[in-house]
Amino acid sequence: MGSSFYKIASGDLTYLPLLRYIGEKNKPIILSTGMSTIGEIEEALQEIYKTGNNKVSILHCVSNYPANYQDINLKVINTLKNLFQIPVGFSDHTVGTLVPSLAVVMGANIIEKHFTLDNNLNGPDHKLSLETHEFKEMVENIRIAEKALGQKIKVISESLEMISAARRSIFVDEVINEGDIISEDTLKVLRPEIGIKPKYLEFITGRISRKNLSKENPVKWDDVE
């Protein structure tokens, strides 16, 4: 049929002659790992690698129909990535569209989800499969998850106006005359941040005022000696 890659189901992970046969085709392979141990996954991969084909990805999978949320263990996605140093995805057998998005957040490179035209059809897959509108919703949620992941670097994405409105600064609580020693009792910390940051409160306390400071006004650096 001219497929560009092969998908091997979890049930065939231990069918080593089949893995060798497919590996020799030298096309990309996606190997599901439901019901398997780490050792069995390693053995299957080595059998494929012996053919010279290293274009292999694996899918974390729980082969229950449907799978219970408490059994999904999405954290193992990164365990498999670290162990085998290849792309790792997730083959989802839970009901609904939530878990695939969570798998993406956990680092899944591939998502497999069963598709059906009608959840009421006979057979073990249909109740956990997604109908057209649900599949569309799943993909949209995955794209949102990808955008929300962002980057590992901490960046400030808020506007300067929001930062100013949300943060506080030091204000005058009681009238301070020129030459007065500024005490903590004469100050208060309020929004917005249009004056000296609250982290300098102890630095300001005990200094001499250079001018008359009116109540409710922010304290500026040129107000103090």
Protein backbone atom coordinates (compact mmCIF):
# COMPACT_ATOMS: atom_id res chain seq x y z
CA MET A 1 0.00 0.00 0.00
CA GLY A 2 3.04 2.26 0.03
CA SER A 3 2.87 3.18 3.71
CA SER A 4 5.63 5.55 4.83
CA PHE A 5 6.07 3.82 8.20
CA TYR A 6 4.99 0.74 10.15
CA LYS A 7 3.03 0.64 13.40
CA ILE A 8 3.56 -2.49 15.49
CA ALA A 9 0.88 -3.25 18.07
CA SER A 10 1.72 -4.06 21.68
CA GLY A 11 0.65 -7.67 21.19
CA ASP A 12 3.44 -8.19 18.65
CA LEU A 13 6.26 -6.69 20.70
CA THR A 14 7.59 -10.17 21.53
CA TYR A 15 7.13 -11.51 17.99
CA LEU A 16 10.83 -11.09 17.22
CA PRO A 17 10.81 -12.65 13.71
CA LEU A 18 8.14 -10.15 12.70
CA LEU A 19 10.18 -7.28 14.14
CA ARG A 20 13.22 -8.39 12.14
CA TYR A 21 11.14 -8.69 8.97
CA ILE A 22 9.71 -5.19 9.39
CA GLY A 23 13.08 -3.75 10.40
CA GLU A 24 14.58 -4.98 7.13
CA LYS A 25 12.11 -2.78 5.23
CA ASN A 26 14.18 0.15 6.52
CA LYS A 27 11.14 2.35 7.06
CA PRO A 28 10.33 4.24 10.29
CA ILE A 29 8.70 2.06 12.95
CA ILE A 30 6.35 3.01 15.78
CA LEU A 31 6.31 0.28 18.42
CA SER A 32 3.61 0.13 21.11
CA THR A 33 4.79 -1.15 24.49
CA GLY A 34 1.60 -2.13 26.34
CA MET A 35 1.82 -5.20 28.60
CA SER A 36 5.63 -5.19 28.35
CA THR A 37 8.52 -4.93 30.76
CA ILE A 38 11.53 -2.66 30.25
CA GLY A 39 13.54 -5.77 29.40
CA GLU A 40 11.09 -6.84 26.71
CA ILE A 41 11.14 -3.36 25.18
CA GLU A 42 14.93 -3.40 25.11
CA GLU A 43 14.96 -6.87 23.51
CA ALA A 44 12.48 -5.76 20.82
CA LEU A 45 14.50 -2.65 20.01
CA GLN A 46 17.75 -4.59 19.80
CA GLU A 47 16.14 -7.03 17.37
CA ILE A 48 15.15 -4.15 15.10
CA TYR A 49 18.52 -2.44 15.44
CA LYS A 50 20.26 -5.62 14.28
CA THR A 51 18.71 -5.06 10.84
CA GLY A 52 20.45 -1.67 10.62
CA ASN A 53 17.17 0.18 11.05
CA ASN A 54 17.35 2.73 13.86
CA LYS A 55 14.34 4.79 12.80
CA VAL A 56 12.26 3.60 15.75
CA SER A 57 9.85 5.37 18.11
CA ILE A 58 7.97 3.72 20.96
CA LEU A 59 4.57 4.40 22.49
CA HIS A 60 3.86 4.13 26.19
CA CYS A 61 0.59 2.21 26.39
CA VAL A 62 -1.79 0.63 28.89
CA SER A 63 -3.63 -2.15 27.07
CA ASN A 64 -6.94 -2.05 28.91
CA TYR A 65 -10.16 -1.19 27.07
CA PRO A 66 -10.87 1.29 28.53
CA ALA A 67 -7.81 2.08 30.66
CA ASN A 68 -8.33 3.54 34.13
CA TYR A 69 -6.79 6.93 34.82
CA GLN A 70 -4.93 5.65 37.88
CA ASP A 71 -3.14 3.08 35.73
CA ILE A 72 -1.88 5.44 33.02
CA ASN A 73 1.43 6.40 34.67
CA LEU A 74 2.36 9.20 32.28
CA LYS A 75 5.59 9.85 34.17
CA VAL A 76 7.06 6.76 32.55
CA ILE A 77 7.21 8.64 29.23
CA ASN A 78 10.32 10.47 30.38
CA THR A 79 11.69 7.28 31.94
CA LEU A 80 11.51 5.60 28.52
CA LYS A 81 13.07 8.63 26.84
CA ASN A 82 16.00 8.60 29.23
CA LEU A 83 16.49 4.84 28.95
CA PHE A 84 16.31 4.44 25.19
CA GLN A 85 17.17 7.91 23.84
CA ILE A 86 14.51 7.73 21.10
CA PRO A 87 11.19 9.54 20.54
CA VAL A 88 8.46 8.33 22.91
CA GLY A 89 4.75 8.82 22.41
CA PHE A 90 1.53 7.71 24.06
CA SER A 91 -1.15 5.32 22.86
CA ASP A 92 -4.30 6.29 24.71
CA HIS A 93 -7.08 3.91 25.70
CA THR A 94 -8.80 6.15 28.23
CA VAL A 95 -12.28 7.58 27.71
CA GLY A 96 -12.34 11.22 26.66
CA THR A 97 -9.88 13.78 25.32
CA LEU A 98 -8.01 14.95 28.43
CA VAL A 99 -5.19 12.44 28.84
CA PRO A 100 -3.55 12.92 25.41
CA SER A 101 -3.01 16.61 26.22
CA LEU A 102 -1.49 15.64 29.57
CA ALA A 103 0.79 13.20 27.76
CA VAL A 104 2.04 16.03 25.54
CA VAL A 105 2.80 18.06 28.66
CA MET A 106 4.78 15.08 29.96
CA GLY A 107 6.86 15.05 26.78
CA ALA A 108 5.07 12.71 24.39
CA ASN A 109 6.26 13.16 20.80
CA ILE A 110 3.45 11.09 19.23
CA ILE A 111 -0.20 10.64 20.17
CA GLU A 112 -2.24 7.63 19.09
CA LYS A 113 -5.98 7.61 19.78
CA HIS A 114 -8.66 5.27 18.46
CA PHE A 115 -11.19 6.78 16.08
CA THR A 116 -14.77 5.69 15.42
CA LEU A 117 -17.79 6.92 13.52
CA ASP A 118 -20.11 5.81 16.32
CA ASN A 119 -19.36 5.04 19.98
CA ASN A 120 -22.37 2.68 20.08
CA LEU A 121 -20.99 0.20 17.54
CA ASN A 122 -20.17 -3.31 18.74
CA GLY A 123 -16.60 -4.17 19.68
CA PRO A 124 -14.14 -3.41 22.50
CA ASP A 125 -12.69 -0.22 20.97
CA HIS A 126 -15.69 1.92 20.13
CA LYS A 127 -16.66 3.11 23.61
CA LEU A 128 -13.19 4.51 24.27
CA SER A 129 -12.67 5.80 20.73
CA LEU A 130 -13.36 9.36 19.65
CA GLU A 131 -16.00 10.42 17.18
CA THR A 132 -15.18 13.12 14.63
CA HIS A 133 -16.02 16.16 16.77
CA GLU A 134 -14.20 14.68 19.77
CA PHE A 135 -11.10 13.92 17.75
CA LYS A 136 -11.06 17.52 16.53
CA GLU A 137 -11.37 18.70 20.13
CA MET A 138 -8.47 16.47 21.19
CA VAL A 139 -6.18 17.86 18.50
CA GLU A 140 -7.14 21.44 19.39
CA ASN A 141 -6.39 20.77 23.08
CA ILE A 142 -3.03 19.23 22.19
CA ARG A 143 -2.11 22.32 20.16
CA ILE A 144 -3.05 24.49 23.15
CA ALA A 145 -0.92 22.29 25.41
CA GLU A 146 2.04 22.66 23.04
CA LYS A 147 1.72 26.44 23.08
CA ALA A 148 1.28 26.55 26.84
CA LEU A 149 4.45 24.54 27.43
CA GLY A 150 6.55 27.47 26.24
CA GLN A 151 10.25 27.27 27.03
CA LYS A 152 12.52 26.37 29.94
CA ILE A 153 13.75 29.95 30.32
CA LYS A 154 11.87 32.14 32.83
CA VAL A 155 10.61 35.16 30.96
CA ILE A 156 8.33 38.05 31.92
CA SER A 157 5.36 38.03 29.56
CA GLU A 158 3.16 40.45 31.48
CA SER A 159 2.79 44.05 30.31
CA LEU A 160 4.58 46.80 32.20
CA GLU A 161 1.16 48.29 33.01
CA MET A 162 0.09 45.02 34.67
CA ILE A 163 3.30 44.80 36.68
CA SER A 164 2.86 48.35 37.92
CA ALA A 165 -0.78 47.78 38.85
CA ALA A 166 -0.16 44.48 40.65
CA ARG A 167 2.97 45.33 42.62
CA ARG A 168 3.34 47.66 45.58
CA SER A 169 5.58 50.55 46.55
CA ILE A 170 6.29 52.62 49.64
CA PHE A 171 3.82 55.42 50.39
CA VAL A 172 3.66 58.12 53.05
CA ASP A 173 1.17 57.22 55.80
CA GLU A 174 1.68 60.30 57.98
CA VAL A 175 2.99 63.74 57.01
CA ILE A 176 6.80 63.81 57.02
CA ASN A 177 8.53 67.19 57.25
CA GLU A 178 11.85 68.13 55.75
CA GLY A 179 14.62 67.06 58.10
CA ASP A 180 12.51 64.44 59.90
CA ILE A 181 13.89 60.97 60.46
CA ILE A 182 11.67 58.60 58.54
CA SER A 183 10.21 55.85 60.73
CA GLU A 184 8.31 52.76 59.71
CA ASP A 185 5.20 54.16 61.42
CA THR A 186 5.06 56.98 58.88
CA LEU A 187 5.10 54.63 55.89
CA LYS A 188 2.84 52.04 54.34
CA VAL A 189 3.06 49.68 51.38
CA LEU A 190 0.33 50.01 48.74
CA ARG A 191 -0.40 49.40 45.09
CA PRO A 192 0.53 50.53 42.47
CA GLU A 193 4.30 50.32 42.02
CA ILE A 194 5.04 53.97 41.23
CA GLY A 195 7.64 54.59 43.91
CA ILE A 196 10.32 52.74 45.82
CA LYS A 197 9.90 48.94 45.94
CA PRO A 198 8.82 47.43 49.31
CA LYS A 199 12.05 45.42 49.54
CA TYR A 200 13.81 48.73 50.37
CA LEU A 201 11.51 49.51 53.32
CA GLU A 202 14.18 48.78 55.94
CA PHE A 203 16.72 50.78 53.91
CA ILE A 204 14.44 53.84 53.87
CA THR A 205 13.57 53.61 57.57
CA GLY A 206 15.89 55.76 59.69
CA ARG A 207 16.95 58.08 56.86
CA ILE A 208 16.33 61.82 56.82
CA SER A 209 13.66 63.37 54.61
CA ARG A 210 14.95 65.94 52.13
CA LYS A 211 11.57 67.62 51.72
CA ASN A 212 8.05 67.79 53.06
CA LEU A 213 6.20 64.59 52.14
CA SER A 214 2.42 64.60 51.98
CA LYS A 215 0.24 61.73 53.13
CA GLU A 216 -0.78 59.16 50.46
CA ASN A 217 2.09 60.12 48.11
CA PRO A 218 4.68 57.59 46.99
CA VAL A 219 8.19 57.94 48.35
CA LYS A 220 10.85 58.63 45.70
CA TRP A 221 14.58 58.13 45.97
CA ASP A 222 15.25 61.86 45.79
CA ASP A 223 12.99 62.35 48.84
CA VAL A 224 15.53 60.80 51.22
CA GLU A 225 19.16 61.38 52.08
